[in-house]
Amino acid sequence: MRQGMIWRWAAVAAAAALAGGGLMLSPGPAGATAHTAAGIRHADDTTIAGVLGAAGPGNSVGGFALLGLGGASNAGINCSLATINGNTGVGGPGMFKNMNPCVENGNLYIASSVTVSGHGPTGSIITDDALLSQAVSDAESASSTFAAMPATDTAVTSINGGSTTLTATQAGINVVDITGLTGSPDVTFSCGSFPGCQWVVNDSGDFQFTNGKVTLGSGMTSGDVVWNVTGTSAKINFMVPESGAGIFLAPYAPSWTMEGTWNGELIGGLDGVITLMSGTTITAPTPAPQGYL
């Protein structure tokens, strides 16, 4: 169990109220935020999975490899000659265009106002308005929450190629604020003397990742890092043969493309389109234990 995660039983009154609707809550942490309309709730706001809620790797379906936020009938995901290892989600209104031979190795979760074209996933197509509505809301909320976290590393203010190593200075979530990422950087995340740490990179500028690499330190997984691109006009570009890692969260950036290998989750496309190009492979983070109910 990650440091700082403290579980407690849900309040008797809340449990009783939900039980009346045929839904029982499992144990949750102090300070949990209830989402009773969707039948799910945040488990811990001191971890990345807890902040992301239904949008992240601790949600009720074991997380997503790719989450398109939708918002318009032509917003969502275009997948061409790519491989998605994990579940895909699309909020509504929106669309999922699966162009052969795009391979979706998981379930496709959609809102009822999402249109699906092309061949289906290897799993099932599941309509779940409550889950997708909550996931979209939680993705937007998480971006704001991460952006408001104070920086624990103030030495790094931008990443423009070269090698950058970020070493934790505290247990739990560590934060660095940058004004953009460009070029072909080699970025390493380390927990140092604080095993079980996590990292948030708040990026107020562009994310132009070309031929770079992300390395996770000992004991870290792709769910332990989040790249939070906050701008509404940020230019986002992933180009082969980069090898990236972490949860990439860019809810408000315009349409962007992905080409290469990404170990983690991609979240974005609100009123825009995420396009997966030829040769792209996305592999979902390991589900967070009890991260979301």
Protein backbone atom coordinates (compact mmCIF):
# COMPACT_ATOMS: atom_id res chain seq x y z
CA MET A 1 0.00 0.00 0.00
CA ARG A 2 1.39 3.41 -1.01
CA GLN A 3 2.56 5.79 1.74
CA GLY A 4 -0.02 8.31 2.88
CA MET A 5 -2.99 6.13 1.93
CA ILE A 6 -5.23 5.70 4.99
CA TRP A 7 -8.38 3.68 4.66
CA ARG A 8 -11.44 3.93 6.81
CA TRP A 9 -14.96 2.63 6.64
CA ALA A 10 -17.50 4.84 4.89
CA ALA A 11 -19.76 6.82 7.15
CA VAL A 12 -22.77 4.86 8.39
CA ALA A 13 -25.21 7.44 7.09
CA ALA A 14 -23.74 7.43 3.58
CA ALA A 15 -23.67 3.67 3.48
CA ALA A 16 -27.24 3.45 4.63
CA ALA A 17 -28.38 5.96 2.03
CA LEU A 18 -26.66 4.10 -0.77
CA ALA A 19 -27.82 0.76 0.50
CA GLY A 20 -31.34 2.03 0.14
CA GLY A 21 -30.63 2.34 -3.57
CA GLY A 22 -29.24 -1.17 -3.78
CA LEU A 23 -25.59 -0.06 -3.70
CA MET A 24 -23.15 -0.75 -0.88
CA LEU A 25 -19.86 1.10 -0.49
CA SER A 26 -16.63 -0.67 0.33
CA PRO A 27 -14.06 0.79 2.76
CA GLY A 28 -12.80 4.24 1.73
CA PRO A 29 -10.35 6.81 3.05
CA ALA A 30 -10.75 9.88 5.16
CA GLY A 31 -11.63 12.83 2.98
CA ALA A 32 -13.07 10.72 0.19
CA THR A 33 -15.32 12.54 -2.24
CA ALA A 34 -18.62 10.80 -2.93
CA HIS A 35 -20.04 10.48 -6.44
CA THR A 36 -23.26 8.78 -5.57
CA ALA A 37 -25.00 9.58 -8.86
CA ALA A 38 -22.51 7.39 -10.68
CA GLY A 39 -22.32 4.86 -7.85
CA ILE A 40 -18.57 5.45 -7.53
CA ARG A 41 -16.33 7.68 -5.45
CA HIS A 42 -12.78 8.86 -4.99
CA ALA A 43 -10.82 6.58 -2.71
CA ASP A 44 -7.84 8.82 -1.92
CA ASP A 45 -6.99 12.35 -2.96
CA THR A 46 -3.35 11.97 -1.90
CA THR A 47 -2.38 9.65 -4.77
CA ILE A 48 -2.43 10.12 -8.53
CA ALA A 49 -5.09 7.43 -8.95
CA GLY A 50 -7.20 9.01 -6.23
CA VAL A 51 -7.08 12.48 -7.80
CA LEU A 52 -7.90 11.08 -11.25
CA GLY A 53 -10.86 9.14 -9.90
CA ALA A 54 -12.97 7.57 -12.64
CA ALA A 55 -10.54 8.81 -15.29
CA GLY A 56 -7.56 6.96 -13.84
CA PRO A 57 -6.09 3.51 -13.19
CA GLY A 58 -8.09 2.91 -10.03
CA ASN A 59 -11.57 3.18 -11.54
CA SER A 60 -14.29 0.55 -11.43
CA VAL A 61 -13.22 -1.12 -14.71
CA GLY A 62 -9.49 -1.36 -14.02
CA GLY A 63 -8.55 1.86 -15.76
CA PHE A 64 -8.09 2.95 -19.37
CA ALA A 65 -5.22 2.96 -21.82
CA LEU A 66 -6.95 5.76 -23.72
CA LEU A 67 -9.72 8.13 -22.65
CA GLY A 68 -11.26 10.54 -25.15
CA LEU A 69 -13.33 13.19 -23.39
CA GLY A 70 -15.71 13.91 -26.26
CA GLY A 71 -17.91 16.98 -25.99
CA ALA A 72 -19.06 17.15 -29.63
CA SER A 73 -20.27 14.63 -32.18
CA ASN A 74 -16.97 14.86 -34.09
CA ALA A 75 -14.78 14.79 -30.96
CA GLY A 76 -13.14 11.65 -29.67
CA ILE A 77 -10.63 9.15 -31.05
CA ASN A 78 -9.32 8.17 -34.48
CA CYS A 79 -7.30 4.95 -34.41
CA SER A 80 -5.32 3.82 -37.45
CA LEU A 81 -2.64 1.10 -37.63
CA ALA A 82 -2.19 1.29 -33.85
CA THR A 83 -2.42 -1.09 -30.90
CA ILE A 84 -4.23 -0.24 -27.67
CA ASN A 85 -3.43 -2.63 -24.83
CA GLY A 86 -6.15 -1.97 -22.29
CA ASN A 87 -9.61 -0.46 -22.11
CA THR A 88 -10.65 2.57 -24.14
CA GLY A 89 -13.22 5.12 -23.01
CA VAL A 90 -15.06 7.84 -24.95
CA GLY A 91 -17.28 10.47 -23.36
CA GLY A 92 -20.34 11.83 -25.09
CA PRO A 93 -21.26 13.27 -27.36
CA GLY A 94 -18.34 11.87 -29.31
CA MET A 95 -17.04 9.26 -31.69
CA PHE A 96 -14.62 6.35 -31.89
CA LYS A 97 -13.35 5.62 -35.38
CA ASN A 98 -11.51 2.32 -35.54
CA MET A 99 -9.78 2.00 -38.86
CA ASN A 100 -8.52 -1.50 -39.72
CA PRO A 101 -6.03 -2.73 -38.69
CA CYS A 102 -6.26 -0.73 -35.47
CA VAL A 103 -6.24 -3.30 -32.65
CA GLU A 104 -8.06 -2.52 -29.41
CA ASN A 105 -7.07 -5.23 -26.90
CA GLY A 106 -9.67 -4.53 -24.25
CA ASN A 107 -13.19 -3.29 -23.78
CA LEU A 108 -14.55 -0.12 -25.32
CA TYR A 109 -16.59 1.93 -22.83
CA ILE A 110 -18.76 4.62 -24.38
CA ALA A 111 -21.49 7.07 -23.51
CA SER A 112 -24.82 6.44 -25.23
CA SER A 113 -24.27 9.53 -27.43
CA VAL A 114 -21.01 8.15 -28.88
CA THR A 115 -20.92 6.73 -32.41
CA VAL A 116 -18.61 3.82 -33.20
CA SER A 117 -17.40 3.03 -36.71
CA GLY A 118 -15.09 0.37 -38.06
CA HIS A 119 -14.42 -2.99 -36.47
CA GLY A 120 -14.86 -3.56 -32.75
CA PRO A 121 -12.45 -4.27 -29.90
CA THR A 122 -11.26 -7.73 -28.91
CA GLY A 123 -13.42 -7.32 -25.82
CA SER A 124 -16.91 -5.83 -25.61
CA ILE A 125 -18.51 -2.50 -26.42
CA ILE A 126 -20.13 -1.36 -23.19
CA THR A 127 -22.41 1.65 -22.83
CA ASP A 128 -21.98 3.26 -19.40
CA ASP A 129 -23.15 6.87 -19.21
CA ALA A 130 -22.50 7.17 -15.48
CA LEU A 131 -18.89 6.01 -15.72
CA LEU A 132 -18.04 8.15 -18.74
CA SER A 133 -19.73 11.27 -17.37
CA GLN A 134 -17.80 10.88 -14.14
CA ALA A 135 -14.55 10.15 -15.95
CA VAL A 136 -14.81 13.36 -18.01
CA SER A 137 -15.64 15.42 -14.93
CA ASP A 138 -12.84 13.84 -12.91
CA ALA A 139 -10.27 14.39 -15.68
CA GLU A 140 -11.02 18.12 -15.74
CA SER A 141 -11.04 18.35 -11.96
CA ALA A 142 -7.79 16.38 -11.68
CA SER A 143 -5.99 18.72 -14.07
CA SER A 144 -6.92 21.69 -11.87
CA THR A 145 -6.00 19.83 -8.69
CA PHE A 146 -2.58 18.81 -9.99
CA ALA A 147 -1.91 22.33 -11.29
CA ALA A 148 -2.60 23.80 -7.85
CA MET A 149 -0.09 21.54 -6.09
CA PRO A 150 3.03 23.48 -4.95
CA ALA A 151 6.28 22.58 -6.68
CA THR A 152 8.69 20.47 -4.64
CA ASP A 153 11.44 20.80 -7.27
CA THR A 154 12.02 24.39 -8.40
CA ALA A 155 15.37 23.81 -10.08
CA VAL A 156 13.78 22.54 -13.31
CA THR A 157 11.55 25.03 -15.13
CA SER A 158 11.59 23.65 -18.67
CA ILE A 159 12.72 20.52 -20.52
CA ASN A 160 14.34 21.23 -23.86
CA GLY A 161 16.19 18.14 -25.01
CA GLY A 162 19.16 16.82 -23.08
CA SER A 163 19.01 14.72 -19.91
CA THR A 164 16.89 15.60 -16.89
CA THR A 165 16.69 13.60 -13.66
CA LEU A 166 13.96 14.36 -11.15
CA THR A 167 14.59 12.93 -7.68
CA ALA A 168 11.93 12.93 -4.97
CA THR A 169 12.47 15.12 -1.92
CA GLN A 170 9.47 13.88 0.02
CA ALA A 171 7.16 10.91 0.41
CA GLY A 172 3.95 10.84 -1.61
CA ILE A 173 3.46 13.20 -4.56
CA ASN A 174 6.37 15.34 -5.76
CA VAL A 175 5.73 18.20 -8.20
CA VAL A 176 7.68 20.08 -10.84
CA ASP A 177 6.32 23.01 -12.89
CA ILE A 178 7.63 23.54 -16.42
CA THR A 179 6.84 26.02 -19.18
CA GLY A 180 7.15 23.43 -21.92
CA LEU A 181 8.82 20.26 -23.17
CA THR A 182 10.52 20.18 -26.55
CA GLY A 183 13.13 18.29 -28.52
CA SER A 184 14.41 14.80 -27.73
CA PRO A 185 14.76 14.76 -23.95
CA ASP A 186 15.83 11.86 -21.78
CA VAL A 187 13.81 12.28 -18.60
CA THR A 188 14.35 10.08 -15.54
CA PHE A 189 12.07 9.95 -12.50
CA SER A 190 13.52 8.67 -9.23
CA CYS A 191 12.13 8.18 -5.74
CA GLY A 192 15.58 8.50 -4.17
CA SER A 193 15.20 8.01 -0.41
CA PHE A 194 11.40 7.98 -0.60
CA PRO A 195 10.25 4.63 -2.02
CA GLY A 196 6.67 4.65 -3.20
CA CYS A 197 6.85 8.27 -4.35
CA GLN A 198 4.87 9.70 -7.27
CA TRP A 199 5.53 12.59 -9.64
CA VAL A 200 3.35 15.31 -11.17
CA VAL A 201 4.75 17.39 -14.04
CA ASN A 202 2.63 20.50 -14.59
CA ASP A 203 3.28 21.81 -18.10
CA SER A 204 1.87 25.26 -18.85
CA GLY A 205 3.26 25.30 -22.40
CA ASP A 206 3.69 22.92 -25.31
CA PHE A 207 4.54 19.22 -25.26
CA GLN A 208 6.66 18.49 -28.36
CA PHE A 209 8.17 15.08 -27.65
CA THR A 210 10.41 13.95 -30.52
CA ASN A 211 12.67 10.92 -30.37
CA GLY A 212 12.93 11.13 -26.57
CA LYS A 213 12.73 8.70 -23.69
CA VAL A 214 11.20 8.52 -20.22
CA THR A 215 12.81 6.25 -17.62
CA LEU A 216 11.08 5.26 -14.38
CA GLY A 217 13.19 4.56 -11.32
CA SER A 218 13.23 1.40 -9.22
CA GLY A 219 9.79 0.37 -8.01
CA MET A 220 7.93 2.97 -10.09
CA THR A 221 5.19 2.16 -12.59
CA SER A 222 3.56 4.18 -15.35
CA GLY A 223 0.75 5.05 -12.94
CA ASP A 224 3.21 6.89 -10.67
CA VAL A 225 3.82 9.79 -13.06
CA VAL A 226 1.34 12.24 -14.54
CA TRP A 227 2.10 14.81 -17.25
CA ASN A 228 -0.50 17.54 -16.80
CA VAL A 229 -0.66 19.88 -19.80
CA THR A 230 -2.91 22.73 -18.72
CA GLY A 231 -3.05 25.11 -21.68
CA THR A 232 -6.05 25.52 -23.98
CA SER A 233 -3.83 26.14 -27.00
CA ALA A 234 -0.90 23.87 -26.17
CA LYS A 235 0.79 22.25 -29.15
CA ILE A 236 1.10 18.52 -28.55
CA ASN A 237 3.07 16.17 -30.72
CA PHE A 238 4.47 12.68 -30.14
CA MET A 239 6.84 11.43 -32.82
CA VAL A 240 8.52 8.05 -33.30
CA PRO A 241 10.59 6.46 -32.05
CA GLU A 242 10.01 7.98 -28.63
CA SER A 243 9.31 5.75 -25.66
CA GLY A 244 7.18 7.60 -23.15
CA ALA A 245 5.73 6.64 -19.80
CA GLY A 246 3.18 7.97 -17.35
CA ILE A 247 -0.37 9.24 -17.46
CA PHE A 248 -0.64 12.01 -20.04
CA LEU A 249 -3.45 14.42 -19.14
CA ALA A 250 -4.28 17.24 -21.56
CA PRO A 251 -8.02 17.88 -21.30
CA TYR A 252 -8.13 21.29 -22.99
CA ALA A 253 -5.47 21.07 -25.69
CA PRO A 254 -6.75 21.07 -29.28
CA SER A 255 -6.65 17.94 -31.40
CA TRP A 256 -3.35 16.10 -31.27
CA THR A 257 -1.63 13.03 -32.67
CA MET A 258 0.27 10.17 -31.11
CA GLU A 259 2.95 8.17 -32.90
CA GLY A 260 5.27 5.83 -31.04
CA THR A 261 5.27 3.79 -27.83
CA TRP A 262 3.60 5.00 -24.67
CA ASN A 263 3.47 3.00 -21.45
CA GLY A 264 0.64 4.55 -19.50
CA GLU A 265 -2.65 6.30 -20.22
CA LEU A 266 -3.56 9.11 -22.61
CA ILE A 267 -6.42 11.43 -21.59
CA GLY A 268 -7.69 14.34 -23.68
CA GLY A 269 -9.68 15.35 -26.70
CA LEU A 270 -12.34 17.49 -25.00
CA ASP A 271 -14.08 19.05 -28.02
CA GLY A 272 -11.19 17.70 -30.09
CA VAL A 273 -9.71 14.51 -31.52
CA ILE A 274 -6.87 12.22 -30.44
CA THR A 275 -5.43 10.53 -33.52
CA LEU A 276 -3.31 7.39 -33.18
CA MET A 277 -0.95 7.10 -36.11
CA SER A 278 0.73 4.09 -37.71
CA GLY A 279 3.04 2.20 -35.37
CA THR A 280 1.56 3.56 -32.17
CA THR A 281 1.35 1.27 -29.14
CA ILE A 282 -0.30 2.28 -25.88
CA THR A 283 -0.21 0.04 -22.82
CA ALA A 284 -2.44 0.87 -19.86
CA PRO A 285 -1.03 1.40 -16.36
CA THR A 286 -1.40 -1.33 -13.76
CA PRO A 287 -4.79 -0.88 -12.07
CA ALA A 288 -4.50 0.87 -8.70
CA PRO A 289 -5.69 -1.38 -5.84
CA GLN A 290 -9.00 -0.10 -4.44
CA GLY A 291 -8.26 3.22 -6.07
CA TYR A 292 -11.84 3.72 -7.14
CA LEU A 293 -15.02 1.87 -6.29
